[in-house]
Amino acid sequence: MPSGFDDDFTDYVSTNQPSRRPVRPVTATRLGDLLLEAEESHRWIVDGLLIAGGVSLLGAKPKAGKTTLTRDLARTVATGTPFLGRNTVKSPVLLLSFEEKRSEIRRHFSAMNCTGEEPIFVSTDPVGRNAA
């Protein structure tokens, strides 16, 4: 084991503890009550497709076009232009890309005629590398 490893590891662990946020209890609603609730209204970033403040996941087989679709979605939302015939609300975009090289991302957005003025923010950090 490298010299000083134990001290470095102890220092790392002592400064990188998980947060001590309070745990909220799980709540449940009786189905009968849930069925009586009023319909929620949503603010859409992409009409009928992408809800503001929500989390969305795109999945498909390898090489099906997920990356291209996601980057085009980022570009259209950042510029407020239609996406697949649906209106968008112009918004900043955070694109998390954990498996690609920055040069590939740069090349692809350049090929899509992006200028860099679009409010798109890209992170290529591996999960947890810069987590506090």
N, C-alpha and C. Protein backbone atom coordinates (compact mmCIF):
# COMPACT_ATOMS: atom_id res chain seq x y z
N MET A 1 0.85 -1.17 0.00
CA MET A 1 0.00 0.00 0.00
C MET A 1 0.90 1.24 0.00
N PRO A 2 0.57 2.29 -0.78
CA PRO A 2 1.41 3.48 -0.85
C PRO A 2 1.56 4.15 0.51
N SER A 3 2.71 4.74 0.72
CA SER A 3 2.97 5.47 1.96
C SER A 3 1.97 6.61 2.10
N GLY A 4 1.43 6.76 3.31
CA GLY A 4 0.48 7.84 3.57
C GLY A 4 -0.95 7.55 3.15
N PHE A 5 -1.19 6.35 2.56
CA PHE A 5 -2.53 6.03 2.08
C PHE A 5 -3.55 6.09 3.21
N ASP A 6 -3.23 5.47 4.35
CA ASP A 6 -4.19 5.43 5.47
C ASP A 6 -4.59 6.84 5.91
N ASP A 7 -3.60 7.74 6.02
CA ASP A 7 -3.90 9.11 6.44
C ASP A 7 -4.75 9.82 5.39
N ASP A 8 -4.39 9.65 4.10
CA ASP A 8 -5.16 10.29 3.03
C ASP A 8 -6.60 9.77 3.00
N PHE A 9 -6.76 8.46 3.18
CA PHE A 9 -8.09 7.87 3.16
C PHE A 9 -8.92 8.38 4.34
N THR A 10 -8.33 8.42 5.51
CA THR A 10 -9.03 8.92 6.70
C THR A 10 -9.45 10.37 6.51
N ASP A 11 -8.54 11.19 5.96
CA ASP A 11 -8.88 12.60 5.70
C ASP A 11 -10.03 12.70 4.70
N TYR A 12 -9.98 11.88 3.65
CA TYR A 12 -11.04 11.91 2.64
C TYR A 12 -12.39 11.55 3.26
N VAL A 13 -12.42 10.46 4.01
CA VAL A 13 -13.68 10.00 4.60
C VAL A 13 -14.23 11.03 5.58
N SER A 14 -13.35 11.65 6.39
CA SER A 14 -13.83 12.61 7.38
C SER A 14 -14.37 13.89 6.75
N THR A 15 -13.94 14.22 5.54
CA THR A 15 -14.42 15.45 4.90
C THR A 15 -15.48 15.19 3.83
N ASN A 16 -15.81 13.94 3.57
CA ASN A 16 -16.78 13.61 2.52
C ASN A 16 -17.90 12.72 3.05
N GLN A 17 -18.44 13.10 4.19
CA GLN A 17 -19.54 12.35 4.78
C GLN A 17 -20.85 12.70 4.06
N PRO A 18 -21.76 11.74 3.96
CA PRO A 18 -23.07 12.06 3.37
C PRO A 18 -23.78 13.10 4.22
N SER A 19 -24.65 13.87 3.57
CA SER A 19 -25.37 14.91 4.30
C SER A 19 -26.27 14.26 5.34
N ARG A 20 -26.57 15.00 6.36
CA ARG A 20 -27.40 14.51 7.46
C ARG A 20 -28.80 15.10 7.34
N ARG A 21 -29.36 15.09 6.12
CA ARG A 21 -30.70 15.63 5.92
C ARG A 21 -31.72 14.76 6.64
N PRO A 22 -32.76 15.39 7.20
CA PRO A 22 -33.79 14.59 7.87
C PRO A 22 -34.52 13.73 6.84
N VAL A 23 -34.87 12.55 7.23
CA VAL A 23 -35.60 11.63 6.36
C VAL A 23 -37.09 11.86 6.57
N ARG A 24 -37.79 12.13 5.46
CA ARG A 24 -39.23 12.33 5.55
C ARG A 24 -39.92 10.97 5.54
N PRO A 25 -40.97 10.83 6.37
CA PRO A 25 -41.68 9.55 6.36
C PRO A 25 -42.45 9.37 5.05
N VAL A 26 -42.67 8.15 4.67
CA VAL A 26 -43.46 7.84 3.48
C VAL A 26 -44.92 8.08 3.82
N THR A 27 -45.62 8.75 2.91
CA THR A 27 -47.06 8.96 3.11
C THR A 27 -47.81 8.21 2.03
N ALA A 28 -49.02 7.83 2.34
CA ALA A 28 -49.84 7.09 1.38
C ALA A 28 -51.25 7.67 1.39
N THR A 29 -51.86 7.66 0.22
CA THR A 29 -53.24 8.15 0.06
C THR A 29 -54.11 6.98 -0.35
N ARG A 30 -55.25 6.86 0.27
CA ARG A 30 -56.21 5.83 -0.11
C ARG A 30 -56.62 6.04 -1.56
N LEU A 31 -56.70 4.98 -2.35
CA LEU A 31 -57.01 5.08 -3.77
C LEU A 31 -58.31 5.84 -4.01
N GLY A 32 -59.33 5.60 -3.21
CA GLY A 32 -60.60 6.30 -3.37
C GLY A 32 -60.43 7.81 -3.27
N ASP A 33 -59.60 8.26 -2.34
CA ASP A 33 -59.32 9.69 -2.20
C ASP A 33 -58.51 10.22 -3.37
N LEU A 34 -57.55 9.43 -3.82
CA LEU A 34 -56.72 9.83 -4.96
C LEU A 34 -57.58 10.04 -6.22
N LEU A 35 -58.54 9.15 -6.43
CA LEU A 35 -59.41 9.25 -7.61
C LEU A 35 -60.30 10.48 -7.56
N LEU A 36 -60.55 11.04 -6.37
CA LEU A 36 -61.40 12.21 -6.22
C LEU A 36 -60.62 13.53 -6.33
N GLU A 37 -59.30 13.45 -6.34
CA GLU A 37 -58.50 14.68 -6.40
C GLU A 37 -58.66 15.37 -7.74
N ALA A 38 -58.57 16.71 -7.71
CA ALA A 38 -58.65 17.51 -8.94
C ALA A 38 -57.41 17.25 -9.79
N GLU A 39 -57.59 17.37 -11.08
CA GLU A 39 -56.47 17.18 -12.01
C GLU A 39 -55.42 18.27 -11.76
N GLU A 40 -54.17 17.86 -11.71
CA GLU A 40 -53.08 18.82 -11.53
C GLU A 40 -52.82 19.56 -12.83
N SER A 41 -52.46 20.82 -12.70
CA SER A 41 -52.06 21.55 -13.91
C SER A 41 -50.53 21.52 -13.98
N HIS A 42 -50.02 21.48 -15.19
CA HIS A 42 -48.59 21.40 -15.39
C HIS A 42 -48.13 22.55 -16.27
N ARG A 43 -46.92 23.00 -16.02
CA ARG A 43 -46.27 23.94 -16.92
C ARG A 43 -45.33 23.10 -17.76
N TRP A 44 -45.50 23.19 -19.07
CA TRP A 44 -44.73 22.36 -19.98
C TRP A 44 -43.55 23.13 -20.56
N ILE A 45 -42.40 22.50 -20.63
CA ILE A 45 -41.24 23.04 -21.33
C ILE A 45 -41.36 22.68 -22.81
N VAL A 46 -41.80 21.46 -23.08
CA VAL A 46 -42.16 21.02 -24.43
C VAL A 46 -43.59 20.53 -24.33
N ASP A 47 -44.50 21.20 -25.07
CA ASP A 47 -45.94 20.92 -24.95
C ASP A 47 -46.26 19.43 -24.94
N GLY A 48 -46.91 19.00 -23.85
CA GLY A 48 -47.39 17.63 -23.74
C GLY A 48 -46.31 16.58 -23.67
N LEU A 49 -45.05 17.00 -23.51
CA LEU A 49 -43.95 16.03 -23.56
C LEU A 49 -43.00 16.15 -22.38
N LEU A 50 -42.64 17.36 -22.00
CA LEU A 50 -41.62 17.58 -20.97
C LEU A 50 -42.12 18.61 -19.97
N ILE A 51 -42.35 18.17 -18.72
CA ILE A 51 -42.89 19.03 -17.68
C ILE A 51 -41.77 19.84 -17.03
N ALA A 52 -42.06 21.11 -16.75
CA ALA A 52 -41.10 21.95 -16.04
C ALA A 52 -40.93 21.42 -14.62
N GLY A 53 -39.71 21.36 -14.17
CA GLY A 53 -39.43 20.94 -12.81
C GLY A 53 -39.52 19.44 -12.58
N GLY A 54 -39.76 18.68 -13.60
CA GLY A 54 -39.84 17.23 -13.47
C GLY A 54 -38.54 16.57 -13.87
N VAL A 55 -38.51 15.29 -13.75
CA VAL A 55 -37.37 14.50 -14.18
C VAL A 55 -37.86 13.57 -15.27
N SER A 56 -37.14 13.54 -16.38
CA SER A 56 -37.52 12.67 -17.49
C SER A 56 -36.37 11.75 -17.83
N LEU A 57 -36.69 10.59 -18.31
CA LEU A 57 -35.69 9.60 -18.67
C LEU A 57 -35.97 9.11 -20.08
N LEU A 58 -34.93 9.06 -20.89
CA LEU A 58 -35.05 8.57 -22.25
C LEU A 58 -34.29 7.27 -22.35
N GLY A 59 -34.95 6.23 -22.78
CA GLY A 59 -34.30 4.93 -22.90
C GLY A 59 -34.60 4.30 -24.24
N ALA A 60 -33.64 3.59 -24.78
CA ALA A 60 -33.81 2.85 -26.04
C ALA A 60 -32.60 1.96 -26.23
N LYS A 61 -32.66 1.13 -27.26
CA LYS A 61 -31.53 0.26 -27.58
C LYS A 61 -30.32 1.10 -27.98
N PRO A 62 -29.13 0.53 -27.87
CA PRO A 62 -27.92 1.26 -28.31
C PRO A 62 -28.04 1.66 -29.79
N LYS A 63 -27.50 2.83 -30.09
CA LYS A 63 -27.43 3.37 -31.44
C LYS A 63 -28.81 3.68 -32.04
N ALA A 64 -29.81 3.90 -31.19
CA ALA A 64 -31.15 4.23 -31.66
C ALA A 64 -31.33 5.73 -31.88
N GLY A 65 -30.36 6.54 -31.43
CA GLY A 65 -30.44 7.99 -31.65
C GLY A 65 -30.75 8.79 -30.40
N LYS A 66 -30.60 8.18 -29.22
CA LYS A 66 -30.91 8.88 -27.96
C LYS A 66 -30.07 10.14 -27.80
N THR A 67 -28.78 10.05 -28.08
CA THR A 67 -27.89 11.21 -27.89
C THR A 67 -28.26 12.33 -28.85
N THR A 68 -28.48 12.01 -30.10
CA THR A 68 -28.85 13.03 -31.09
C THR A 68 -30.18 13.67 -30.71
N LEU A 69 -31.15 12.87 -30.32
CA LEU A 69 -32.46 13.39 -29.92
C LEU A 69 -32.32 14.30 -28.71
N THR A 70 -31.54 13.89 -27.73
CA THR A 70 -31.36 14.67 -26.50
C THR A 70 -30.67 16.00 -26.80
N ARG A 71 -29.66 15.98 -27.64
CA ARG A 71 -28.96 17.22 -27.96
C ARG A 71 -29.86 18.16 -28.76
N ASP A 72 -30.66 17.61 -29.66
CA ASP A 72 -31.59 18.46 -30.40
C ASP A 72 -32.65 19.04 -29.46
N LEU A 73 -33.10 18.25 -28.50
CA LEU A 73 -34.03 18.74 -27.49
C LEU A 73 -33.39 19.88 -26.69
N ALA A 74 -32.14 19.70 -26.28
CA ALA A 74 -31.43 20.76 -25.54
C ALA A 74 -31.34 22.03 -26.37
N ARG A 75 -31.00 21.89 -27.64
CA ARG A 75 -30.86 23.05 -28.53
C ARG A 75 -32.19 23.77 -28.71
N THR A 76 -33.26 23.02 -28.94
CA THR A 76 -34.55 23.66 -29.20
C THR A 76 -35.12 24.32 -27.94
N VAL A 77 -34.95 23.69 -26.78
CA VAL A 77 -35.42 24.31 -25.54
C VAL A 77 -34.60 25.56 -25.24
N ALA A 78 -33.29 25.48 -25.43
CA ALA A 78 -32.43 26.63 -25.14
C ALA A 78 -32.72 27.82 -26.06
N THR A 79 -33.22 27.54 -27.25
CA THR A 79 -33.52 28.62 -28.20
C THR A 79 -35.01 28.93 -28.30
N GLY A 80 -35.84 28.10 -27.66
CA GLY A 80 -37.29 28.34 -27.70
C GLY A 80 -37.92 28.02 -29.04
N THR A 81 -37.29 27.16 -29.82
CA THR A 81 -37.84 26.77 -31.13
C THR A 81 -38.58 25.44 -31.00
N PRO A 82 -39.51 25.14 -31.91
CA PRO A 82 -40.29 23.90 -31.79
C PRO A 82 -39.41 22.64 -31.81
N PHE A 83 -39.88 21.63 -31.09
CA PHE A 83 -39.23 20.32 -31.02
C PHE A 83 -40.23 19.28 -31.50
N LEU A 84 -39.91 18.61 -32.57
CA LEU A 84 -40.80 17.59 -33.15
C LEU A 84 -42.22 18.11 -33.33
N GLY A 85 -42.33 19.36 -33.78
CA GLY A 85 -43.63 19.97 -34.04
C GLY A 85 -44.35 20.47 -32.79
N ARG A 86 -43.69 20.43 -31.65
CA ARG A 86 -44.30 20.89 -30.40
C ARG A 86 -43.64 22.19 -29.95
N ASN A 87 -44.43 23.12 -29.43
CA ASN A 87 -43.88 24.37 -28.92
C ASN A 87 -43.02 24.12 -27.70
N THR A 88 -42.01 24.95 -27.52
CA THR A 88 -41.15 24.87 -26.35
C THR A 88 -41.14 26.22 -25.63
N VAL A 89 -40.78 26.18 -24.35
CA VAL A 89 -40.58 27.39 -23.57
C VAL A 89 -39.07 27.57 -23.47
N LYS A 90 -38.59 28.71 -23.93
CA LYS A 90 -37.15 28.96 -23.91
C LYS A 90 -36.64 28.91 -22.47
N SER A 91 -35.68 28.03 -22.22
CA SER A 91 -35.16 27.81 -20.87
C SER A 91 -33.70 27.40 -20.95
N PRO A 92 -32.94 27.71 -19.89
CA PRO A 92 -31.57 27.18 -19.83
C PRO A 92 -31.63 25.66 -19.71
N VAL A 93 -30.59 25.00 -20.19
CA VAL A 93 -30.53 23.54 -20.19
C VAL A 93 -29.23 23.08 -19.54
N LEU A 94 -29.33 22.09 -18.66
CA LEU A 94 -28.16 21.43 -18.09
C LEU A 94 -28.09 20.04 -18.71
N LEU A 95 -27.03 19.77 -19.45
CA LEU A 95 -26.85 18.49 -20.12
C LEU A 95 -25.77 17.72 -19.38
N LEU A 96 -26.15 16.60 -18.78
CA LEU A 96 -25.21 15.74 -18.08
C LEU A 96 -24.81 14.61 -19.01
N SER A 97 -23.54 14.52 -19.29
CA SER A 97 -23.06 13.50 -20.22
C SER A 97 -21.87 12.80 -19.57
N PHE A 98 -22.12 11.64 -18.99
CA PHE A 98 -21.10 10.96 -18.20
C PHE A 98 -20.25 9.98 -18.99
N GLU A 99 -20.63 9.68 -20.22
CA GLU A 99 -19.93 8.64 -20.97
C GLU A 99 -19.25 9.14 -22.24
N GLU A 100 -19.33 10.42 -22.53
CA GLU A 100 -18.79 10.90 -23.79
C GLU A 100 -17.63 11.85 -23.59
N LYS A 101 -16.83 11.94 -24.62
CA LYS A 101 -15.72 12.87 -24.62
C LYS A 101 -16.24 14.27 -24.92
N ARG A 102 -15.64 15.26 -24.27
CA ARG A 102 -16.04 16.65 -24.48
C ARG A 102 -15.90 17.03 -25.96
N SER A 103 -14.86 16.52 -26.61
CA SER A 103 -14.64 16.86 -28.02
C SER A 103 -15.78 16.35 -28.91
N GLU A 104 -16.37 15.20 -28.57
CA GLU A 104 -17.51 14.68 -29.33
C GLU A 104 -18.73 15.57 -29.15
N ILE A 105 -18.94 15.99 -27.92
CA ILE A 105 -20.08 16.87 -27.63
C ILE A 105 -19.91 18.18 -28.38
N ARG A 106 -18.72 18.75 -28.32
CA ARG A 106 -18.42 20.01 -29.01
C ARG A 106 -18.64 19.86 -30.52
N ARG A 107 -18.13 18.77 -31.09
CA ARG A 107 -18.27 18.55 -32.53
C ARG A 107 -19.74 18.41 -32.92
N HIS A 108 -20.51 17.68 -32.11
CA HIS A 108 -21.91 17.45 -32.45
C HIS A 108 -22.72 18.74 -32.39
N PHE A 109 -22.54 19.55 -31.33
CA PHE A 109 -23.28 20.81 -31.24
C PHE A 109 -22.85 21.77 -32.34
N SER A 110 -21.58 21.74 -32.70
CA SER A 110 -21.11 22.58 -33.80
C SER A 110 -21.78 22.17 -35.11
N ALA A 111 -21.90 20.87 -35.34
CA ALA A 111 -22.55 20.37 -36.55
C ALA A 111 -24.04 20.73 -36.57
N MET A 112 -24.62 20.98 -35.40
CA MET A 112 -26.02 21.37 -35.30
C MET A 112 -26.17 22.90 -35.42
N ASN A 113 -25.10 23.57 -35.83
CA ASN A 113 -25.08 25.03 -36.01
C ASN A 113 -25.30 25.80 -34.71
N CYS A 114 -24.90 25.23 -33.59
CA CYS A 114 -24.96 25.98 -32.33
C CYS A 114 -23.79 26.97 -32.32
N THR A 115 -24.04 28.14 -31.74
CA THR A 115 -23.03 29.20 -31.74
C THR A 115 -22.30 29.32 -30.41
N GLY A 116 -22.85 28.72 -29.37
CA GLY A 116 -22.28 28.89 -28.04
C GLY A 116 -23.01 29.97 -27.25
N GLU A 117 -23.89 30.70 -27.93
CA GLU A 117 -24.69 31.72 -27.25
C GLU A 117 -25.94 31.11 -26.60
N GLU A 118 -26.25 29.88 -26.96
CA GLU A 118 -27.42 29.20 -26.39
C GLU A 118 -27.15 28.92 -24.90
N PRO A 119 -28.17 29.07 -24.04
CA PRO A 119 -27.97 28.80 -22.61
C PRO A 119 -27.97 27.30 -22.30
N ILE A 120 -26.96 26.61 -22.85
CA ILE A 120 -26.78 25.18 -22.61
C ILE A 120 -25.51 25.02 -21.78
N PHE A 121 -25.63 24.30 -20.68
CA PHE A 121 -24.50 24.04 -19.80
C PHE A 121 -24.23 22.55 -19.81
N VAL A 122 -22.98 22.17 -20.04
CA VAL A 122 -22.61 20.77 -20.22
C VAL A 122 -21.69 20.32 -19.08
N SER A 123 -22.00 19.18 -18.48
CA SER A 123 -21.13 18.57 -17.49
C SER A 123 -20.74 17.19 -17.98
N THR A 124 -19.43 16.94 -17.98
CA THR A 124 -18.93 15.62 -18.36
C THR A 124 -18.22 14.95 -17.19
N ASP A 125 -18.42 15.49 -15.99
CA ASP A 125 -17.78 14.90 -14.82
C ASP A 125 -18.40 13.55 -14.51
N PRO A 126 -17.56 12.56 -14.24
CA PRO A 126 -18.13 11.27 -13.81
C PRO A 126 -18.94 11.47 -12.55
N VAL A 127 -19.95 10.65 -12.37
CA VAL A 127 -20.84 10.79 -11.21
C VAL A 127 -20.01 10.76 -9.93
N GLY A 128 -20.23 11.75 -9.09
CA GLY A 128 -19.58 11.78 -7.78
C GLY A 128 -18.19 12.38 -7.76
N ARG A 129 -17.57 12.60 -8.92
CA ARG A 129 -16.19 13.09 -8.91
C ARG A 129 -16.05 14.43 -8.22
N ASN A 130 -17.00 15.34 -8.46
CA ASN A 130 -16.95 16.66 -7.85
C ASN A 130 -18.08 16.87 -6.85
N ALA A 131 -18.69 15.79 -6.42
CA ALA A 131 -19.80 15.92 -5.47
C ALA A 131 -19.28 16.39 -4.12
N ALA A 132 -20.06 17.25 -3.49
CA ALA A 132 -19.66 17.76 -2.18
C ALA A 132 -20.42 17.07 -1.09
